[in-house]
Protein backbone atom coordinates (compact mmCIF):
# COMPACT_ATOMS: atom_id res chain seq x y z
CA UNK A 1 -16.65 -2.88 -12.05
CA UNK A 2 -14.09 -0.84 -10.10
CA UNK A 3 -12.49 -2.34 -7.01
CA UNK A 4 -11.10 -0.16 -4.21
CA UNK A 5 -10.09 -0.27 -0.59
CA UNK A 6 -8.71 1.85 2.22
CA UNK A 7 -6.06 0.43 4.53
CA UNK A 8 -5.16 1.88 7.93
CA UNK A 9 -1.75 0.95 9.32
CA UNK A 10 0.02 1.60 12.56
CA UNK A 11 3.74 1.61 11.81
CA UNK A 12 5.91 -0.04 14.43
CA UNK A 13 7.90 2.51 16.49
CA UNK A 14 11.21 3.40 14.86
CA UNK A 15 10.20 2.18 11.38
CA UNK A 16 8.33 5.10 9.81
CA UNK A 17 11.27 6.29 7.68
CA UNK A 18 11.86 2.74 6.42
CA UNK A 19 8.14 2.37 5.76
CA UNK A 20 8.03 5.66 3.85
CA UNK A 21 10.89 4.43 1.66
CA UNK A 22 9.11 1.11 1.10
CA UNK A 23 5.85 2.77 0.10
CA UNK A 24 7.80 5.03 -2.25
CA UNK A 25 9.12 1.89 -3.94
CA UNK A 26 5.59 0.46 -4.00
CA UNK A 27 4.22 3.57 -5.72
CA UNK A 28 7.02 3.49 -8.30
CA UNK A 29 6.32 -0.19 -9.04
CA UNK A 30 2.58 0.46 -9.28
CA UNK A 31 3.17 3.03 -12.01
CA UNK A 32 4.30 0.20 -14.29
CA UNK A 33 1.08 -1.78 -13.73
CA UNK A 34 -2.02 -1.42 -15.83
CA UNK A 35 -5.52 -1.01 -14.42
CA UNK A 36 -4.64 1.19 -11.42
CA UNK A 37 -6.90 4.21 -11.08
CA UNK A 38 -5.63 5.52 -7.70
CA UNK A 39 -2.74 4.53 -5.46
CA UNK A 40 -2.25 6.98 -2.60
CA UNK A 41 -0.61 7.16 0.81
CA UNK A 42 -1.37 9.58 3.64
CA UNK A 43 0.47 9.89 6.97
CA UNK A 44 -1.30 11.24 10.06
CA UNK A 45 -0.09 14.46 11.66
CA UNK A 46 1.25 12.51 14.65
CA UNK A 47 3.17 10.27 12.19
CA UNK A 48 1.86 7.07 13.80
CA UNK A 49 -0.77 6.02 11.29
CA UNK A 50 -0.59 5.53 7.53
CA UNK A 51 -3.72 5.47 5.38
CA UNK A 52 -3.58 3.98 1.91
CA UNK A 53 -6.24 4.20 -0.78
CA UNK A 54 -6.14 1.98 -3.85
CA UNK A 55 -8.59 1.78 -6.74
CA UNK A 56 -8.45 -0.56 -9.74
CA UNK A 57 -10.37 -0.80 -13.01
CA UNK A 58 -11.61 -4.30 -12.14
CA UNK A 59 -10.98 -7.34 -9.96
CA UNK A 60 -8.43 -8.75 -12.41
CA UNK A 61 -6.26 -5.61 -12.07
CA UNK A 62 -6.63 -5.68 -8.26
CA UNK A 63 -5.67 -9.36 -8.03
CA UNK A 64 -2.68 -8.83 -10.33
CA UNK A 65 -1.50 -5.97 -8.14
CA UNK A 66 -1.85 -8.04 -4.97
CA UNK A 67 0.22 -10.86 -6.47
CA UNK A 68 2.96 -8.43 -7.51
CA UNK A 69 2.85 -6.70 -4.13
CA UNK A 70 3.19 -9.99 -2.23
CA UNK A 71 6.13 -11.10 -4.35
CA UNK A 72 8.00 -7.80 -4.22
CA UNK A 73 7.10 -6.17 -0.92
CA UNK A 74 5.10 -8.51 1.30
CA UNK A 75 7.88 -9.55 3.66
CA UNK A 76 9.17 -6.03 4.43
CA UNK A 77 5.65 -4.62 4.60
CA UNK A 78 4.54 -7.11 7.24
CA UNK A 79 7.70 -6.51 9.28
CA UNK A 80 7.13 -2.78 9.68
CA UNK A 81 3.38 -2.41 10.03
CA UNK A 82 0.36 -3.64 11.90
CA UNK A 83 -2.55 -3.19 9.51
CA UNK A 84 -6.26 -3.62 9.10
CA UNK A 85 -8.52 -3.01 6.15
CA UNK A 86 -11.21 -0.38 6.62
């Protein structure tokens, strides 16, 4: 069964460029993972909100991605954003 989620983030003032670079690194790393069906980022016109959509083949692929994300990007990600799952 596919697993997916949307995440809505408000990027802390002054950090959008850094956050864009970080998510670029995240997308590049995700390309090396198996089981990812969609991994997308959208930035609002006012450049204050980032929307991310992720879809995985199954829960095992989603959990593997989350472990890799936490190890490689978790610290910087939490520094620059205030997020909530939709």
